[in-house]
Structure formats: C-alpha cells, structure tokens
Amino acid sequence: MKTKKLLIVLFCSGIILYFFPYKLFSDDLGKANKYYEKYDYQYAIEIYEKLLEQKPNLEVAQKLANCYRFINKSELAEKAYATVLTFPGFDPINYLYYADALKQNAKFERAKLNYLTYAERVPAKSDEAVKLANGTDAARIWLENPDRNIQVVN
C-alpha cells in the first residue's frame, strides 16, 4: 500500500514538473521582459540588475534605465542612463532621457549639454531639444531665486 502511494506521488510530481516550465523559476531576460511588458517595473528591475551584473549589454541597461524612469526614481535613472551611454550603438533618445533625469536631480549644466547633444544627433528634434536646454537655465534661476510671494492654495 505504501509503494502504491509513493508511486502515485512520484507520478504526479513528474507530471507537474514536466508541464510546469522551469523558466518560471529562473531570473532570465525573457522573464524580465514579460514583467516589463506588463508594466511590473519593480519585478523587472530586480532581474535586470542581476543580468546587468552578470552579463552587461545594451538591451538590459536600456530597459533598466527605462524602468527607473517609469517609476520616477530619477537618481537611479540618471545612473542607469549614464551606463547606457557607455555602450556602442545606443539610441540617441537616451541623451534626452538622461538629460531629463539630470534636470530632475538639479544638475542643470550637464542636463543642458545632453539636451544639446541630442539636438546634434537628431536634427529633426533639434528645436525641441534647444528649448529643453534653455529650460534648464530657467529652472536653475527659479531654484536659486524662489519667489516668496506666491501662495499655493488647494
């Protein structure tokens, strides 16, 4: 009787293991991309960070940076986009995203340089990029000289 129960348990375990994909338990790019596509950025970040440490590549670095940008963690997005810019063949839009993160972190001069670099690399968007670069000057001035006479009312 015991052997019969044991055989049933082993058979059921075998069936479960056979039909249950092992990839659900592994931290791989496919799993991270599924989280990314489902907007589960926090789960994707955990896997992308591990993958970036193990085997750095442009796709992982860019998706990690995007995840940080999407969840509004500008300090981490800044670092991640700086990493993206070290890989050959990156999309020039990353200059824009990096500049946005720098501006959010009050690093206005570096943000301005990256906006202007984006303008050089993507001439079709140069007007927009120059306006954003000029906006960094305005943001710096407003931050350095806040107007104390403005009242915010809910």
C-alpha atoms as a PDB file:
ATOM      1  CA  MET A   1       0.000   0.000   0.000  1.00  0.00           C
ATOM      2  CA  LYS A   2       2.860   2.371   0.813  1.00  0.00           C
ATOM      3  CA  THR A   3       4.553   1.688  -2.503  1.00  0.00           C
ATOM      4  CA  LYS A   4       1.323   2.430  -4.337  1.00  0.00           C
ATOM      5  CA  LYS A   5       1.028   5.847  -2.620  1.00  0.00           C
ATOM      6  CA  LEU A   6       4.691   6.519  -3.279  1.00  0.00           C
ATOM      7  CA  LEU A   7       4.266   5.697  -6.971  1.00  0.00           C
ATOM      8  CA  ILE A   8       1.218   7.968  -7.216  1.00  0.00           C
ATOM      9  CA  VAL A   9       3.098  10.847  -5.557  1.00  0.00           C
ATOM     10  CA  LEU A  10       6.117  10.343  -7.830  1.00  0.00           C
ATOM     11  CA  PHE A  11       3.909  10.119 -10.909  1.00  0.00           C
ATOM     12  CA  CYS A  12       2.026  13.299 -10.006  1.00  0.00           C
ATOM     13  CA  SER A  13       5.288  15.097  -9.235  1.00  0.00           C
ATOM     14  CA  GLY A  14       6.708  14.021 -12.572  1.00  0.00           C
ATOM     15  CA  ILE A  15       3.639  15.281 -14.429  1.00  0.00           C
ATOM     16  CA  ILE A  16       3.764  18.620 -12.633  1.00  0.00           C
ATOM     17  CA  LEU A  17       7.475  19.081 -13.296  1.00  0.00           C
ATOM     18  CA  TYR A  18       7.078  18.085 -16.926  1.00  0.00           C
ATOM     19  CA  PHE A  19       4.281  20.538 -17.688  1.00  0.00           C
ATOM     20  CA  PHE A  20       5.450  23.356 -15.409  1.00  0.00           C
ATOM     21  CA  PRO A  21       8.188  25.283 -17.229  1.00  0.00           C
ATOM     22  CA  TYR A  22      11.439  25.599 -15.336  1.00  0.00           C
ATOM     23  CA  LYS A  23      11.937  29.089 -16.681  1.00  0.00           C
ATOM     24  CA  LEU A  24       9.338  30.416 -14.263  1.00  0.00           C
ATOM     25  CA  PHE A  25      11.890  29.866 -11.525  1.00  0.00           C
ATOM     26  CA  SER A  26      14.890  31.401 -13.265  1.00  0.00           C
ATOM     27  CA  ASP A  27      15.938  35.026 -13.468  1.00  0.00           C
ATOM     28  CA  ASP A  28      16.385  35.443 -17.183  1.00  0.00           C
ATOM     29  CA  LEU A  29      15.878  38.098 -19.790  1.00  0.00           C
ATOM     30  CA  GLY A  30      12.622  36.604 -21.046  1.00  0.00           C
ATOM     31  CA  LYS A  31      11.043  36.751 -17.611  1.00  0.00           C
ATOM     32  CA  ALA A  32      12.243  40.320 -17.046  1.00  0.00           C
ATOM     33  CA  ASN A  33      10.879  41.361 -20.437  1.00  0.00           C
ATOM     34  CA  LYS A  34       7.489  39.855 -19.581  1.00  0.00           C
ATOM     35  CA  TYR A  35       7.389  41.921 -16.391  1.00  0.00           C
ATOM     36  CA  TYR A  36       8.466  44.971 -18.386  1.00  0.00           C
ATOM     37  CA  GLU A  37       5.699  44.467 -20.942  1.00  0.00           C
ATOM     38  CA  LYS A  38       3.123  44.052 -18.165  1.00  0.00           C
ATOM     39  CA  TYR A  39       4.316  47.293 -16.503  1.00  0.00           C
ATOM     40  CA  ASP A  40       5.589  45.394 -13.440  1.00  0.00           C
ATOM     41  CA  TYR A  41       8.711  47.506 -13.397  1.00  0.00           C
ATOM     42  CA  GLN A  42       9.776  46.732  -9.829  1.00  0.00           C
ATOM     43  CA  TYR A  43       9.992  42.998 -10.570  1.00  0.00           C
ATOM     44  CA  ALA A  44      11.711  43.686 -13.880  1.00  0.00           C
ATOM     45  CA  ILE A  45      14.262  45.919 -12.138  1.00  0.00           C
ATOM     46  CA  GLU A  46      15.325  43.133  -9.783  1.00  0.00           C
ATOM     47  CA  ILE A  47      16.053  40.797 -12.676  1.00  0.00           C
ATOM     48  CA  TYR A  48      17.616  43.428 -14.956  1.00  0.00           C
ATOM     49  CA  GLU A  49      20.017  44.468 -12.187  1.00  0.00           C
ATOM     50  CA  LYS A  50      21.185  40.865 -11.758  1.00  0.00           C
ATOM     51  CA  LEU A  51      21.534  40.410 -15.501  1.00  0.00           C
ATOM     52  CA  LEU A  52      23.479  43.640 -15.862  1.00  0.00           C
ATOM     53  CA  GLU A  53      25.952  42.496 -13.214  1.00  0.00           C
ATOM     54  CA  GLN A  54      26.359  39.049 -14.785  1.00  0.00           C
ATOM     55  CA  LYS A  55      26.479  39.952 -18.464  1.00  0.00           C
ATOM     56  CA  PRO A  56      26.204  43.660 -19.294  1.00  0.00           C
ATOM     57  CA  ASN A  57      24.583  44.535 -22.608  1.00  0.00           C
ATOM     58  CA  LEU A  58      22.750  47.460 -24.158  1.00  0.00           C
ATOM     59  CA  GLU A  59      19.242  45.983 -24.101  1.00  0.00           C
ATOM     60  CA  VAL A  60      19.350  45.187 -20.392  1.00  0.00           C
ATOM     61  CA  ALA A  61      20.914  48.539 -19.488  1.00  0.00           C
ATOM     62  CA  GLN A  62      18.361  50.477 -21.512  1.00  0.00           C
ATOM     63  CA  LYS A  63      15.358  48.606 -20.124  1.00  0.00           C
ATOM     64  CA  LEU A  64      16.660  49.007 -16.578  1.00  0.00           C
ATOM     65  CA  ALA A  65      17.046  52.747 -17.131  1.00  0.00           C
ATOM     66  CA  ASN A  66      13.548  52.944 -18.605  1.00  0.00           C
ATOM     67  CA  CYS A  67      12.111  51.105 -15.605  1.00  0.00           C
ATOM     68  CA  TYR A  68      13.642  53.625 -13.223  1.00  0.00           C
ATOM     69  CA  ARG A  69      12.331  56.476 -15.373  1.00  0.00           C
ATOM     70  CA  PHE A  70       8.827  54.989 -15.480  1.00  0.00           C
ATOM     71  CA  ILE A  71       8.634  54.666 -11.689  1.00  0.00           C
ATOM     72  CA  ASN A  72      10.114  58.158 -11.241  1.00  0.00           C
ATOM     73  CA  LYS A  73      13.340  57.240  -9.473  1.00  0.00           C
ATOM     74  CA  SER A  74      15.403  59.953 -11.090  1.00  0.00           C
ATOM     75  CA  GLU A  75      18.656  59.332  -9.189  1.00  0.00           C
ATOM     76  CA  LEU A  76      18.724  55.683 -10.233  1.00  0.00           C
ATOM     77  CA  ALA A  77      17.550  56.565 -13.745  1.00  0.00           C
ATOM     78  CA  GLU A  78      20.428  59.029 -14.042  1.00  0.00           C
ATOM     79  CA  LYS A  79      22.981  56.361 -13.149  1.00  0.00           C
ATOM     80  CA  ALA A  80      21.349  53.807 -15.417  1.00  0.00           C
ATOM     81  CA  TYR A  81      21.230  56.151 -18.413  1.00  0.00           C
ATOM     82  CA  ALA A  82      24.866  57.060 -17.824  1.00  0.00           C
ATOM     83  CA  THR A  83      25.578  53.340 -18.148  1.00  0.00           C
ATOM     84  CA  VAL A  84      23.502  53.107 -21.337  1.00  0.00           C
ATOM     85  CA  LEU A  85      25.589  55.873 -22.910  1.00  0.00           C
ATOM     86  CA  THR A  86      28.740  53.762 -22.458  1.00  0.00           C
ATOM     87  CA  PHE A  87      27.512  51.046 -24.830  1.00  0.00           C
ATOM     88  CA  PRO A  88      28.174  51.377 -28.555  1.00  0.00           C
ATOM     89  CA  GLY A  89      25.135  51.688 -30.802  1.00  0.00           C
ATOM     90  CA  PHE A  90      22.687  53.141 -28.273  1.00  0.00           C
ATOM     91  CA  ASP A  91      19.653  55.098 -29.482  1.00  0.00           C
ATOM     92  CA  PRO A  92      20.193  58.887 -29.276  1.00  0.00           C
ATOM     93  CA  ILE A  93      16.849  59.266 -27.422  1.00  0.00           C
ATOM     94  CA  ASN A  94      18.816  58.147 -24.377  1.00  0.00           C
ATOM     95  CA  TYR A  95      20.561  61.541 -24.346  1.00  0.00           C
ATOM     96  CA  LEU A  96      17.139  63.111 -23.888  1.00  0.00           C
ATOM     97  CA  TYR A  97      16.144  60.714 -21.103  1.00  0.00           C
ATOM     98  CA  TYR A  98      19.496  61.161 -19.383  1.00  0.00           C
ATOM     99  CA  ALA A  99      19.155  64.948 -19.596  1.00  0.00           C
ATOM    100  CA  ASP A 100      15.639  64.748 -18.128  1.00  0.00           C
ATOM    101  CA  ALA A 101      16.946  62.738 -15.171  1.00  0.00           C
ATOM    102  CA  LEU A 102      19.824  65.179 -14.666  1.00  0.00           C
ATOM    103  CA  LYS A 103      17.415  68.111 -14.706  1.00  0.00           C
ATOM    104  CA  GLN A 104      15.172  66.417 -12.133  1.00  0.00           C
ATOM    105  CA  ASN A 105      18.248  65.998  -9.945  1.00  0.00           C
ATOM    106  CA  ALA A 106      19.166  69.705 -10.297  1.00  0.00           C
ATOM    107  CA  LYS A 107      22.272  69.004 -12.406  1.00  0.00           C
ATOM    108  CA  PHE A 108      21.380  71.694 -14.886  1.00  0.00           C
ATOM    109  CA  GLU A 109      24.684  72.206 -16.718  1.00  0.00           C
ATOM    110  CA  ARG A 110      25.104  68.513 -17.508  1.00  0.00           C
ATOM    111  CA  ALA A 111      21.427  68.317 -18.488  1.00  0.00           C
ATOM    112  CA  LYS A 112      21.869  71.228 -20.884  1.00  0.00           C
ATOM    113  CA  LEU A 113      24.899  69.576 -22.507  1.00  0.00           C
ATOM    114  CA  ASN A 114      22.976  66.348 -23.040  1.00  0.00           C
ATOM    115  CA  TYR A 115      19.960  68.173 -24.498  1.00  0.00           C
ATOM    116  CA  LEU A 116      22.295  69.903 -26.946  1.00  0.00           C
ATOM    117  CA  THR A 117      23.990  66.597 -27.786  1.00  0.00           C
ATOM    118  CA  TYR A 118      20.551  65.157 -28.508  1.00  0.00           C
ATOM    119  CA  ALA A 119      19.854  68.149 -30.770  1.00  0.00           C
ATOM    120  CA  GLU A 120      23.062  67.419 -32.710  1.00  0.00           C
ATOM    121  CA  ARG A 121      22.363  63.705 -33.044  1.00  0.00           C
ATOM    122  CA  VAL A 122      18.684  64.088 -34.008  1.00  0.00           C
ATOM    123  CA  PRO A 123      18.390  67.195 -36.197  1.00  0.00           C
ATOM    124  CA  ALA A 124      14.646  66.672 -36.691  1.00  0.00           C
ATOM    125  CA  LYS A 125      14.130  67.244 -32.952  1.00  0.00           C
ATOM    126  CA  SER A 126      16.723  69.985 -32.537  1.00  0.00           C
ATOM    127  CA  ASP A 127      14.187  72.779 -31.932  1.00  0.00           C
ATOM    128  CA  GLU A 128      12.567  70.828 -29.118  1.00  0.00           C
ATOM    129  CA  ALA A 129      15.935  69.903 -27.634  1.00  0.00           C
ATOM    130  CA  VAL A 130      17.187  73.503 -27.706  1.00  0.00           C
ATOM    131  CA  LYS A 131      14.017  74.647 -25.918  1.00  0.00           C
ATOM    132  CA  LEU A 132      14.601  71.995 -23.256  1.00  0.00           C
ATOM    133  CA  ALA A 133      18.230  73.091 -22.942  1.00  0.00           C
ATOM    134  CA  ASN A 134      17.117  76.694 -22.446  1.00  0.00           C
ATOM    135  CA  GLY A 135      14.599  75.456 -19.905  1.00  0.00           C
ATOM    136  CA  THR A 136      17.446  74.199 -17.740  1.00  0.00           C
ATOM    137  CA  ASP A 137      18.693  77.782 -17.403  1.00  0.00           C
ATOM    138  CA  ALA A 138      15.231  78.921 -16.312  1.00  0.00           C
ATOM    139  CA  ALA A 139      14.927  76.034 -13.856  1.00  0.00           C
ATOM    140  CA  ARG A 140      18.301  76.884 -12.329  1.00  0.00           C
ATOM    141  CA  ILE A 141      17.340  80.548 -11.944  1.00  0.00           C
ATOM    142  CA  TRP A 142      13.993  79.678 -10.340  1.00  0.00           C
ATOM    143  CA  LEU A 143      15.655  77.236  -7.967  1.00  0.00           C
ATOM    144  CA  GLU A 144      18.301  79.766  -6.944  1.00  0.00           C
ATOM    145  CA  ASN A 145      15.818  82.670  -6.617  1.00  0.00           C
ATOM    146  CA  PRO A 146      12.448  81.369  -5.471  1.00  0.00           C
ATOM    147  CA  ASP A 147       9.571  83.850  -5.422  1.00  0.00           C
ATOM    148  CA  ARG A 148       8.376  84.008  -1.805  1.00  0.00           C
ATOM    149  CA  ASN A 149       5.206  85.926  -2.711  1.00  0.00           C
ATOM    150  CA  ILE A 150       3.495  83.003  -4.431  1.00  0.00           C
ATOM    151  CA  GLN A 151       0.837  81.207  -2.423  1.00  0.00           C
ATOM    152  CA  VAL A 152      -0.322  77.750  -3.336  1.00  0.00           C
ATOM    153  CA  VAL A 153      -3.951  77.121  -2.495  1.00  0.00           C
ATOM    154  CA  ASN A 154      -5.523  73.695  -2.569  1.00  0.00           C
END
